[in-house]
Amino acid sequence: GALMKGKSVCQGYAYAFKLLCDQAQIPCWIVTGYYGDEPHAWNYVWLDGAYYLVDVTWDDPVGMDDPDYVYYGYLNLTDADMTRDHTPETEIPLPVCAATADNYFLRGGYTASALEAGQYGDAVAWQVNDGARGWYQILYTGAALSEERLADFLNGNAEAIRSRASKGIAGGRLPALSRYALNDNIIQLLFE
């Protein structure tokens, strides 16, 4: 499976995550349902007095050619976030996941509510200070964002973002912004 052979389908990911949570004494359950029209499995976890949803399958960077790439788009989500593309299939009432305190992006401050270079620079700087390298992810909480709007913003503000983010780096600066991606409301920036 996922831990022994490094390959698995979603159910194997969900069971492997549950095993790791059990070892860490984090209460965890597996739920099955659908991702779009495809059968799928993911997890519920109980952290700091609240339920969250986790889908390690979709957080796996399979196919990325960059060993530093990590994705956190499905880590500690609410029901509202997860049900945008996941539908549980169960007759058993499921716990309500409404807390946001342990959401990866919100807990770390890796968010931006507007296309404003300072917000992006701060979000990247906090990730640098937390040990991230290469790819940086920002949860965009503003109005709908298109690839074109993001491209226009980054083309005009990449150096300002880099400069702001570099203020927190001891003895150096971030390399130039070389690539970016928009995945739903998560902006991914690669400085290399």
C-alpha atoms as a PDB file:
ATOM      1  CA  GLY A   1       0.000   0.000   0.000  1.00  0.00           C
ATOM      2  CA  ALA A   2       0.848   3.644   0.388  1.00  0.00           C
ATOM      3  CA  LEU A   3       3.393   3.229   3.190  1.00  0.00           C
ATOM      4  CA  MET A   4       5.048  -0.049   2.190  1.00  0.00           C
ATOM      5  CA  LYS A   5       5.182   0.261  -1.602  1.00  0.00           C
ATOM      6  CA  GLY A   6       4.740   3.986  -2.102  1.00  0.00           C
ATOM      7  CA  LYS A   7       1.722   3.451  -4.383  1.00  0.00           C
ATOM      8  CA  SER A   8      -1.959   3.320  -3.644  1.00  0.00           C
ATOM      9  CA  VAL A   9      -5.435   4.403  -4.595  1.00  0.00           C
ATOM     10  CA  CYS A  10      -7.434   6.776  -2.395  1.00  0.00           C
ATOM     11  CA  GLN A  11      -8.591   4.079   0.028  1.00  0.00           C
ATOM     12  CA  GLY A  12      -4.970   3.119   0.699  1.00  0.00           C
ATOM     13  CA  TYR A  13      -4.073   6.750   1.319  1.00  0.00           C
ATOM     14  CA  ALA A  14      -6.983   7.107   3.758  1.00  0.00           C
ATOM     15  CA  TYR A  15      -6.021   3.924   5.644  1.00  0.00           C
ATOM     16  CA  ALA A  16      -2.333   4.930   5.749  1.00  0.00           C
ATOM     17  CA  PHE A  17      -3.256   8.367   7.112  1.00  0.00           C
ATOM     18  CA  LYS A  18      -5.493   6.736   9.729  1.00  0.00           C
ATOM     19  CA  LEU A  19      -2.661   4.409  10.762  1.00  0.00           C
ATOM     20  CA  LEU A  20      -0.291   7.361  11.195  1.00  0.00           C
ATOM     21  CA  CYS A  21      -2.927   9.311  13.144  1.00  0.00           C
ATOM     22  CA  ASP A  22      -3.564   6.260  15.364  1.00  0.00           C
ATOM     23  CA  GLN A  23       0.179   6.051  16.075  1.00  0.00           C
ATOM     24  CA  ALA A  24       0.170   9.747  17.016  1.00  0.00           C
ATOM     25  CA  GLN A  25      -2.997   9.247  19.102  1.00  0.00           C
ATOM     26  CA  ILE A  26      -4.994  11.606  16.895  1.00  0.00           C
ATOM     27  CA  PRO A  27      -8.581  10.363  16.534  1.00  0.00           C
ATOM     28  CA  CYS A  28      -9.203   9.679  12.843  1.00  0.00           C
ATOM     29  CA  TRP A  29     -11.957   8.046  10.781  1.00  0.00           C
ATOM     30  CA  ILE A  30     -12.295   7.051   7.147  1.00  0.00           C
ATOM     31  CA  VAL A  31     -15.242   8.221   5.090  1.00  0.00           C
ATOM     32  CA  THR A  32     -16.154   7.060   1.617  1.00  0.00           C
ATOM     33  CA  GLY A  33     -18.124   8.812  -1.046  1.00  0.00           C
ATOM     34  CA  TYR A  34     -17.384  10.546  -4.314  1.00  0.00           C
ATOM     35  CA  TYR A  35     -14.960  13.061  -5.752  1.00  0.00           C
ATOM     36  CA  GLY A  36     -17.092  14.324  -8.602  1.00  0.00           C
ATOM     37  CA  ASP A  37     -18.476  11.107 -10.087  1.00  0.00           C
ATOM     38  CA  GLU A  38     -15.571   8.885  -8.975  1.00  0.00           C
ATOM     39  CA  PRO A  39     -15.675   6.685  -5.845  1.00  0.00           C
ATOM     40  CA  HIS A  40     -13.285   8.128  -3.271  1.00  0.00           C
ATOM     41  CA  ALA A  41     -12.123   7.903   0.369  1.00  0.00           C
ATOM     42  CA  TRP A  42     -10.820  10.560   2.746  1.00  0.00           C
ATOM     43  CA  ASN A  43     -10.602  11.210   6.507  1.00  0.00           C
ATOM     44  CA  TYR A  44     -12.086  13.006   9.463  1.00  0.00           C
ATOM     45  CA  VAL A  45      -9.732  14.001  12.283  1.00  0.00           C
ATOM     46  CA  TRP A  46     -10.337  15.381  15.766  1.00  0.00           C
ATOM     47  CA  LEU A  47      -7.821  18.125  16.602  1.00  0.00           C
ATOM     48  CA  ASP A  48      -7.856  20.542  19.492  1.00  0.00           C
ATOM     49  CA  GLY A  49     -11.532  19.902  20.242  1.00  0.00           C
ATOM     50  CA  ALA A  50     -12.870  20.136  16.679  1.00  0.00           C
ATOM     51  CA  TYR A  51     -13.459  17.947  13.628  1.00  0.00           C
ATOM     52  CA  TYR A  52     -11.674  18.576  10.334  1.00  0.00           C
ATOM     53  CA  LEU A  53     -11.613  16.888   6.932  1.00  0.00           C
ATOM     54  CA  VAL A  54      -8.386  15.724   5.274  1.00  0.00           C
ATOM     55  CA  ASP A  55      -7.839  14.269   1.814  1.00  0.00           C
ATOM     56  CA  VAL A  56      -4.237  13.098   1.552  1.00  0.00           C
ATOM     57  CA  THR A  57      -4.871  11.643  -1.913  1.00  0.00           C
ATOM     58  CA  TRP A  58      -5.409  15.071  -3.440  1.00  0.00           C
ATOM     59  CA  ASP A  59      -2.575  16.577  -1.390  1.00  0.00           C
ATOM     60  CA  ASP A  60      -0.090  14.102  -2.904  1.00  0.00           C
ATOM     61  CA  PRO A  61       2.017  15.848  -5.567  1.00  0.00           C
ATOM     62  CA  VAL A  62       2.011  12.839  -7.928  1.00  0.00           C
ATOM     63  CA  GLY A  63       3.310  13.879 -11.317  1.00  0.00           C
ATOM     64  CA  MET A  64       5.173  16.957 -10.097  1.00  0.00           C
ATOM     65  CA  ASP A  65       8.799  16.960 -11.186  1.00  0.00           C
ATOM     66  CA  ASP A  66       9.865  19.117  -8.243  1.00  0.00           C
ATOM     67  CA  PRO A  67      10.882  17.265  -5.039  1.00  0.00           C
ATOM     68  CA  ASP A  68      10.187  20.429  -2.979  1.00  0.00           C
ATOM     69  CA  TYR A  69       6.553  20.609  -4.110  1.00  0.00           C
ATOM     70  CA  VAL A  70       4.029  19.985  -1.352  1.00  0.00           C
ATOM     71  CA  TYR A  71       0.307  20.731  -1.567  1.00  0.00           C
ATOM     72  CA  TYR A  72      -1.906  21.524   1.431  1.00  0.00           C
ATOM     73  CA  GLY A  73      -5.212  22.290  -0.275  1.00  0.00           C
ATOM     74  CA  TYR A  74      -7.093  19.484   1.475  1.00  0.00           C
ATOM     75  CA  LEU A  75      -5.588  19.685   4.972  1.00  0.00           C
ATOM     76  CA  ASN A  76      -8.020  20.353   7.823  1.00  0.00           C
ATOM     77  CA  LEU A  77     -10.996  21.638   5.865  1.00  0.00           C
ATOM     78  CA  THR A  78     -14.543  22.487   6.830  1.00  0.00           C
ATOM     79  CA  ASP A  79     -17.605  20.738   5.401  1.00  0.00           C
ATOM     80  CA  ALA A  80     -18.232  23.771   3.183  1.00  0.00           C
ATOM     81  CA  ASP A  81     -14.724  23.580   1.736  1.00  0.00           C
ATOM     82  CA  MET A  82     -14.673  19.826   1.202  1.00  0.00           C
ATOM     83  CA  THR A  83     -18.173  19.464  -0.237  1.00  0.00           C
ATOM     84  CA  ARG A  84     -17.285  21.734  -3.167  1.00  0.00           C
ATOM     85  CA  ASP A  85     -16.009  18.559  -4.852  1.00  0.00           C
ATOM     86  CA  HIS A  86     -16.474  15.690  -2.327  1.00  0.00           C
ATOM     87  CA  THR A  87     -19.788  13.987  -1.483  1.00  0.00           C
ATOM     88  CA  PRO A  88     -19.854  11.545   1.431  1.00  0.00           C
ATOM     89  CA  GLU A  89     -21.983   8.426   1.021  1.00  0.00           C
ATOM     90  CA  THR A  90     -23.212   7.192   4.369  1.00  0.00           C
ATOM     91  CA  GLU A  91     -26.375   6.549   6.327  1.00  0.00           C
ATOM     92  CA  ILE A  92     -24.555   7.299   9.566  1.00  0.00           C
ATOM     93  CA  PRO A  93     -24.654  10.969  10.609  1.00  0.00           C
ATOM     94  CA  LEU A  94     -21.204  12.461  10.145  1.00  0.00           C
ATOM     95  CA  PRO A  95     -19.612  14.980  12.495  1.00  0.00           C
ATOM     96  CA  VAL A  96     -19.944  18.640  11.600  1.00  0.00           C
ATOM     97  CA  CYS A  97     -16.672  20.168  10.465  1.00  0.00           C
ATOM     98  CA  ALA A  98     -16.995  23.922  10.885  1.00  0.00           C
ATOM     99  CA  ALA A  99     -13.804  24.895  12.722  1.00  0.00           C
ATOM    100  CA  THR A 100     -11.019  26.738  10.908  1.00  0.00           C
ATOM    101  CA  ALA A 101      -8.402  27.201  13.664  1.00  0.00           C
ATOM    102  CA  ASP A 102      -6.239  24.291  12.452  1.00  0.00           C
ATOM    103  CA  ASN A 103      -6.685  24.850   8.731  1.00  0.00           C
ATOM    104  CA  TYR A 104      -3.166  24.870   7.281  1.00  0.00           C
ATOM    105  CA  PHE A 105      -3.479  28.258   5.580  1.00  0.00           C
ATOM    106  CA  LEU A 106      -5.432  30.078   8.284  1.00  0.00           C
ATOM    107  CA  ARG A 107      -3.302  28.798  11.162  1.00  0.00           C
ATOM    108  CA  GLY A 108      -0.080  29.854   9.444  1.00  0.00           C
ATOM    109  CA  GLY A 109      -1.380  33.169   8.127  1.00  0.00           C
ATOM    110  CA  TYR A 110      -0.772  32.045   4.539  1.00  0.00           C
ATOM    111  CA  THR A 111      -3.717  33.992   3.165  1.00  0.00           C
ATOM    112  CA  ALA A 112      -4.500  37.029   1.052  1.00  0.00           C
ATOM    113  CA  SER A 113      -7.867  38.733   0.787  1.00  0.00           C
ATOM    114  CA  ALA A 114      -6.948  40.983  -2.129  1.00  0.00           C
ATOM    115  CA  LEU A 115      -4.474  41.277  -4.982  1.00  0.00           C
ATOM    116  CA  GLU A 116      -2.028  43.277  -2.868  1.00  0.00           C
ATOM    117  CA  ALA A 117       1.724  42.625  -2.966  1.00  0.00           C
ATOM    118  CA  GLY A 118       2.196  43.168   0.770  1.00  0.00           C
ATOM    119  CA  GLN A 119      -0.270  40.426   1.686  1.00  0.00           C
ATOM    120  CA  TYR A 120       1.409  37.983  -0.702  1.00  0.00           C
ATOM    121  CA  GLY A 121       4.891  38.926   0.488  1.00  0.00           C
ATOM    122  CA  ASP A 122       3.901  38.459   4.129  1.00  0.00           C
ATOM    123  CA  ALA A 123       2.288  35.064   3.424  1.00  0.00           C
ATOM    124  CA  VAL A 124       5.446  33.872   1.662  1.00  0.00           C
ATOM    125  CA  ALA A 125       7.703  35.286   4.407  1.00  0.00           C
ATOM    126  CA  TRP A 126       5.765  33.415   7.099  1.00  0.00           C
ATOM    127  CA  GLN A 127       6.161  30.180   5.118  1.00  0.00           C
ATOM    128  CA  VAL A 128       9.898  30.804   4.693  1.00  0.00           C
ATOM    129  CA  ASN A 129      10.187  31.379   8.442  1.00  0.00           C
ATOM    130  CA  ASP A 130       8.243  28.142   9.021  1.00  0.00           C
ATOM    131  CA  GLY A 131      10.780  26.198   6.929  1.00  0.00           C
ATOM    132  CA  ALA A 132       9.085  26.040   3.515  1.00  0.00           C
ATOM    133  CA  ARG A 133      11.283  26.102   0.422  1.00  0.00           C
ATOM    134  CA  GLY A 134      10.646  26.453  -3.305  1.00  0.00           C
ATOM    135  CA  TRP A 135       6.868  26.408  -3.700  1.00  0.00           C
ATOM    136  CA  TYR A 136       4.730  28.650  -1.509  1.00  0.00           C
ATOM    137  CA  GLN A 137       0.951  28.476  -1.284  1.00  0.00           C
ATOM    138  CA  ILE A 138      -1.505  31.208  -0.432  1.00  0.00           C
ATOM    139  CA  LEU A 139      -5.202  30.792   0.235  1.00  0.00           C
ATOM    140  CA  TYR A 140      -6.983  33.555  -1.657  1.00  0.00           C
ATOM    141  CA  THR A 141     -10.089  34.635   0.265  1.00  0.00           C
ATOM    142  CA  GLY A 142     -11.149  37.525  -1.975  1.00  0.00           C
ATOM    143  CA  ALA A 143     -13.592  37.659  -4.869  1.00  0.00           C
ATOM    144  CA  ALA A 144     -13.355  35.082  -7.667  1.00  0.00           C
ATOM    145  CA  LEU A 145      -9.918  35.052  -9.246  1.00  0.00           C
ATOM    146  CA  SER A 146      -9.146  34.083 -12.824  1.00  0.00           C
ATOM    147  CA  GLU A 147      -5.818  32.887 -14.234  1.00  0.00           C
ATOM    148  CA  GLU A 148      -5.676  36.076 -16.321  1.00  0.00           C
ATOM    149  CA  ARG A 149      -6.199  38.394 -13.334  1.00  0.00           C
ATOM    150  CA  LEU A 150      -3.595  36.500 -11.333  1.00  0.00           C
ATOM    151  CA  ALA A 151      -1.102  36.652 -14.222  1.00  0.00           C
ATOM    152  CA  ASP A 152      -1.602  40.408 -14.605  1.00  0.00           C
ATOM    153  CA  PHE A 153      -1.156  40.932 -10.862  1.00  0.00           C
ATOM    154  CA  LEU A 154       1.986  38.775 -10.614  1.00  0.00           C
ATOM    155  CA  ASN A 155       3.560  40.260 -13.745  1.00  0.00           C
ATOM    156  CA  GLY A 156       3.271  43.714 -12.204  1.00  0.00           C
ATOM    157  CA  ASN A 157       4.071  42.788  -8.601  1.00  0.00           C
ATOM    158  CA  ALA A 158       6.475  39.825  -8.544  1.00  0.00           C
ATOM    159  CA  GLU A 159       9.461  41.924  -7.473  1.00  0.00           C
ATOM    160  CA  ALA A 160       7.470  43.702  -4.730  1.00  0.00           C
ATOM    161  CA  ILE A 161       6.269  40.325  -3.391  1.00  0.00           C
ATOM    162  CA  ARG A 162       9.799  38.931  -3.499  1.00  0.00           C
ATOM    163  CA  SER A 163      11.233  42.007  -1.791  1.00  0.00           C
ATOM    164  CA  ARG A 164       8.627  41.955   0.990  1.00  0.00           C
ATOM    165  CA  ALA A 165       9.051  38.210   1.542  1.00  0.00           C
ATOM    166  CA  SER A 166      12.849  38.504   1.575  1.00  0.00           C
ATOM    167  CA  LYS A 167      12.857  40.883   4.555  1.00  0.00           C
ATOM    168  CA  GLY A 168      12.455  37.891   6.867  1.00  0.00           C
ATOM    169  CA  ILE A 169      15.263  35.829   5.342  1.00  0.00           C
ATOM    170  CA  ALA A 170      18.483  35.905   7.319  1.00  0.00           C
ATOM    171  CA  GLY A 171      21.364  36.844   5.036  1.00  0.00           C
ATOM    172  CA  GLY A 172      19.614  36.644   1.724  1.00  0.00           C
ATOM    173  CA  ARG A 173      16.806  37.123  -0.708  1.00  0.00           C
ATOM    174  CA  LEU A 174      14.387  34.795  -2.346  1.00  0.00           C
ATOM    175  CA  PRO A 175      15.243  33.859  -5.924  1.00  0.00           C
ATOM    176  CA  ALA A 176      13.016  35.299  -8.643  1.00  0.00           C
ATOM    177  CA  LEU A 177       9.433  34.129  -9.120  1.00  0.00           C
ATOM    178  CA  SER A 178       9.674  31.559 -11.905  1.00  0.00           C
ATOM    179  CA  ARG A 179       6.273  29.836 -11.998  1.00  0.00           C
ATOM    180  CA  TYR A 180       2.837  30.072 -10.501  1.00  0.00           C
ATOM    181  CA  ALA A 181      -0.424  28.186 -10.561  1.00  0.00           C
ATOM    182  CA  LEU A 182      -4.002  28.764  -9.473  1.00  0.00           C
ATOM    183  CA  ASN A 183      -5.851  25.749  -8.093  1.00  0.00           C
ATOM    184  CA  ASP A 184      -9.382  26.787  -7.105  1.00  0.00           C
ATOM    185  CA  ASN A 185      -8.648  29.484  -4.512  1.00  0.00           C
ATOM    186  CA  ILE A 186      -5.069  28.425  -3.747  1.00  0.00           C
ATOM    187  CA  ILE A 187      -2.265  30.341  -5.398  1.00  0.00           C
ATOM    188  CA  GLN A 188       1.034  28.512  -5.744  1.00  0.00           C
ATOM    189  CA  LEU A 189       4.241  30.460  -6.273  1.00  0.00           C
ATOM    190  CA  LEU A 190       7.653  29.011  -7.125  1.00  0.00           C
ATOM    191  CA  PHE A 191      10.724  31.104  -6.385  1.00  0.00           C
ATOM    192  CA  GLU A 192      13.851  29.503  -7.893  1.00  0.00           C
END
